[in-house]
Amino acid sequence: MTIRLSKIEDIPNIMAIIDDAKAYLASQNIDQWQNGYPNSKQVKNDILKNESYVVVNDEDQIIATSMFTTNSEPTYKIIDGNWIIDESLNYGVIHRMAIKKEFRKFGLATFMFHEFHSLLLEKKIESLKIDTHEDNLGMQSLMKKLGYKYCGVIYTSYNAKRLAFEKVISK
C-alpha cells in the first residue's frame, strides 16, 4: 500500500469514494458533505495545486483519498477556542478524507495521518490542524486516538459549525 499525489485521471475513482462517504455520513444522520461538497471541481482544483492524495493498494486500486496542504486555512483564522500552535505559523491541514467502503476499518485513515505527519516532519512543520462535523464521532475518536487535542469551534466558508483539532508533530 502506498500514498501518492492524485492525477486528473483519478477523479472518477476519487469521486466514487467521496460519493460513497456522503451516503455513509447520511446513513449515520450526519449532514456533513450533504450539500454538493466535495465535488469533482474541488477535487480537480486540489489535484492542480498538488494537494490531493490517494492510497493505492498492491493491485493498483485507489482505496482512499484525502486533501493535504501546508497552506493556511482561511477559516482557521477565527476560532472559538485556542490553537496550540499559533495560526500565523506554518501548519498542515487535512480535508476531504474518505475511504472506499470495502476498505473501511483496516487502518487506512491512520496510515494517511501518519504519512502526512511524516511529510510535515520533513518540512520542519510542527502542527497539523483538522476540523470535523460535531456528529462525526468516528473521525473525532480517531483523532483523539492519534493524539489530537480539541481546540474549539470554527465555521466553514458556508457558515457550518465544525469542531477543530490539532496535533503537535514531533519525532
Protein backbone atom coordinates (compact mmCIF):
# COMPACT_ATOMS: atom_id res chain seq x y z
CA MET A 1 0.00 0.00 0.00
CA THR A 2 1.35 3.41 -0.98
CA ILE A 3 0.23 7.01 -0.90
CA ARG A 4 0.80 9.31 -3.85
CA LEU A 5 -0.33 12.59 -5.32
CA SER A 6 -3.57 12.25 -7.25
CA LYS A 7 -3.74 12.65 -11.03
CA ILE A 8 -6.55 14.11 -13.14
CA GLU A 9 -7.41 10.61 -14.40
CA ASP A 10 -8.02 9.56 -10.76
CA ILE A 11 -11.01 11.91 -10.39
CA PRO A 12 -13.71 9.31 -11.24
CA ASN A 13 -12.30 6.87 -8.65
CA ILE A 14 -11.89 9.65 -6.07
CA MET A 15 -15.46 10.83 -6.64
CA ALA A 16 -16.81 7.28 -6.30
CA ILE A 17 -15.12 7.07 -2.87
CA ILE A 18 -16.39 10.53 -1.86
CA ASP A 19 -19.93 9.77 -3.06
CA ASP A 20 -19.91 6.57 -1.03
CA ALA A 21 -18.67 8.53 2.01
CA LYS A 22 -21.51 11.02 1.53
CA ALA A 23 -24.01 8.15 1.57
CA TYR A 24 -22.33 6.66 4.66
CA LEU A 25 -22.49 10.00 6.51
CA ALA A 26 -26.15 10.40 5.55
CA SER A 27 -26.90 6.87 6.82
CA GLN A 28 -25.41 7.95 10.17
CA ASN A 29 -27.68 11.04 10.19
CA ILE A 30 -24.65 13.31 9.80
CA ASP A 31 -25.36 16.23 7.50
CA GLN A 32 -21.67 16.70 6.62
CA TRP A 33 -21.00 16.61 2.85
CA GLN A 34 -24.71 16.65 2.03
CA ASN A 35 -24.79 19.97 0.14
CA GLY A 36 -22.89 19.13 -3.06
CA TYR A 37 -19.47 19.40 -1.43
CA PRO A 38 -16.97 17.99 -2.07
CA ASN A 39 -17.41 17.78 -5.83
CA SER A 40 -15.25 16.92 -8.83
CA LYS A 41 -14.40 20.59 -9.42
CA GLN A 42 -13.00 20.82 -5.87
CA VAL A 43 -11.03 17.58 -6.33
CA LYS A 44 -9.63 18.78 -9.67
CA ASN A 45 -8.58 22.04 -8.01
CA ASP A 46 -6.85 20.07 -5.22
CA ILE A 47 -5.01 17.98 -7.85
CA LEU A 48 -3.87 21.04 -9.80
CA LYS A 49 -2.48 22.51 -6.55
CA ASN A 50 -0.73 19.20 -5.66
CA GLU A 51 -2.93 18.88 -2.56
CA SER A 52 -4.87 15.71 -3.40
CA TYR A 53 -3.58 12.30 -2.36
CA VAL A 54 -4.74 8.75 -2.92
CA VAL A 55 -3.86 5.49 -1.23
CA VAL A 56 -3.25 2.71 -3.73
CA ASN A 57 -3.19 -0.98 -2.80
CA ASP A 58 -0.92 -3.68 -4.22
CA GLU A 59 -3.40 -4.23 -7.10
CA ASP A 60 -3.03 -0.52 -8.05
CA GLN A 61 -6.60 0.15 -6.91
CA ILE A 62 -7.40 3.54 -5.35
CA ILE A 63 -8.80 2.75 -1.90
CA ALA A 64 -8.69 6.10 -0.07
CA THR A 65 -8.34 9.81 -0.72
CA SER A 66 -7.52 12.98 1.16
CA MET A 67 -6.65 16.60 0.63
CA PHE A 68 -3.50 17.67 2.47
CA THR A 69 -1.77 21.03 2.33
CA THR A 70 0.69 23.20 4.19
CA ASN A 71 -1.08 26.33 3.02
CA SER A 72 -3.03 28.07 5.77
CA GLU A 73 -6.77 27.50 6.02
CA PRO A 74 -8.65 30.85 5.93
CA THR A 75 -11.48 29.55 8.13
CA TYR A 76 -8.96 28.70 10.88
CA LYS A 77 -8.06 32.36 11.50
CA ILE A 78 -11.08 32.75 13.78
CA ILE A 79 -11.65 30.04 16.37
CA ASP A 80 -13.93 29.96 19.37
CA GLY A 81 -11.13 28.49 21.47
CA ASN A 82 -7.37 28.39 21.02
CA TRP A 83 -4.96 26.65 18.68
CA ILE A 84 -1.95 25.02 20.34
CA ILE A 85 0.49 26.43 17.77
CA ASP A 86 -0.28 29.97 16.66
CA GLU A 87 -2.35 30.06 13.48
CA SER A 88 0.09 32.52 11.90
CA LEU A 89 2.85 29.87 11.81
CA ASN A 90 3.07 27.20 9.08
CA TYR A 91 0.92 24.13 9.68
CA GLY A 92 -0.59 21.21 7.80
CA VAL A 93 -4.28 20.80 7.05
CA ILE A 94 -6.33 17.73 6.13
CA HIS A 95 -9.71 17.97 4.39
CA ARG A 96 -11.90 15.60 2.37
CA MET A 97 -10.56 12.32 3.76
CA ALA A 98 -12.56 9.30 2.62
CA ILE A 99 -12.02 5.55 2.38
CA LYS A 100 -13.56 3.11 -0.09
CA LYS A 101 -16.31 1.26 1.76
CA GLU A 102 -14.79 -2.20 1.26
CA PHE A 103 -11.60 -0.99 2.94
CA ARG A 104 -13.02 0.77 6.00
CA LYS A 105 -11.80 -0.42 9.40
CA PHE A 106 -8.40 -1.51 8.04
CA GLY A 107 -6.46 1.44 9.44
CA LEU A 108 -6.25 3.47 6.21
CA ALA A 109 -7.14 6.76 7.88
CA THR A 110 -4.42 6.17 10.48
CA PHE A 111 -2.00 5.33 7.65
CA MET A 112 -2.82 8.62 5.89
CA PHE A 113 -2.44 10.65 9.09
CA HIS A 114 0.98 9.08 9.72
CA GLU A 115 2.09 9.76 6.13
CA PHE A 116 1.04 13.41 6.43
CA HIS A 117 2.80 13.67 9.80
CA SER A 118 5.98 12.41 8.09
CA LEU A 119 5.65 15.00 5.31
CA LEU A 120 5.32 17.73 7.95
CA LEU A 121 8.41 16.48 9.80
CA GLU A 122 10.39 16.61 6.55
CA LYS A 123 9.33 20.25 6.12
CA LYS A 124 10.02 21.03 9.80
CA ILE A 125 6.37 22.00 10.33
CA GLU A 126 5.18 21.09 13.81
CA SER A 127 1.39 21.32 13.62
CA LEU A 128 -1.44 19.57 11.81
CA LYS A 129 -4.90 21.12 12.14
CA ILE A 130 -8.17 19.47 11.11
CA ASP A 131 -11.87 20.03 11.62
CA THR A 132 -14.88 17.76 11.51
CA HIS A 133 -18.63 17.77 11.96
CA GLU A 134 -19.77 17.62 15.58
CA ASP A 135 -21.75 14.45 14.83
CA ASN A 136 -18.83 12.68 13.08
CA LEU A 137 -17.89 10.68 16.15
CA GLY A 138 -15.82 8.19 14.17
CA MET A 139 -13.39 10.86 12.97
CA GLN A 140 -13.34 12.52 16.40
CA SER A 141 -12.49 9.19 18.03
CA LEU A 142 -9.68 8.54 15.54
CA MET A 143 -8.20 12.00 16.04
CA LYS A 144 -8.21 11.61 19.82
CA LYS A 145 -6.62 8.14 19.49
CA LEU A 146 -3.87 9.70 17.35
CA GLY A 147 -3.16 12.36 19.97
CA TYR A 148 -5.08 15.29 18.53
CA LYS A 149 -6.39 17.83 21.01
CA TYR A 150 -9.74 19.57 20.76
CA CYS A 151 -9.09 23.30 20.29
CA GLY A 152 -12.53 24.85 19.75
CA VAL A 153 -15.10 25.64 17.10
CA ILE A 154 -14.52 27.10 13.64
CA TYR A 155 -17.05 27.94 10.95
CA THR A 156 -16.63 26.94 7.30
CA SER A 157 -16.85 29.42 4.43
CA TYR A 158 -20.53 28.40 4.15
CA ASN A 159 -21.02 29.04 7.91
CA ALA A 160 -21.22 25.41 9.05
CA LYS A 161 -20.04 24.73 12.61
CA ARG A 162 -17.03 22.40 12.86
CA LEU A 163 -15.00 21.07 15.76
CA ALA A 164 -11.32 21.94 15.39
CA PHE A 165 -8.45 19.68 16.46
CA GLU A 166 -4.68 19.99 16.35
CA LYS A 167 -1.65 17.83 16.95
CA VAL A 168 1.88 18.97 17.57
CA ILE A 169 4.06 16.76 15.37
CA SER A 170 7.37 15.60 16.78
CA LYS A 171 9.79 12.79 16.04
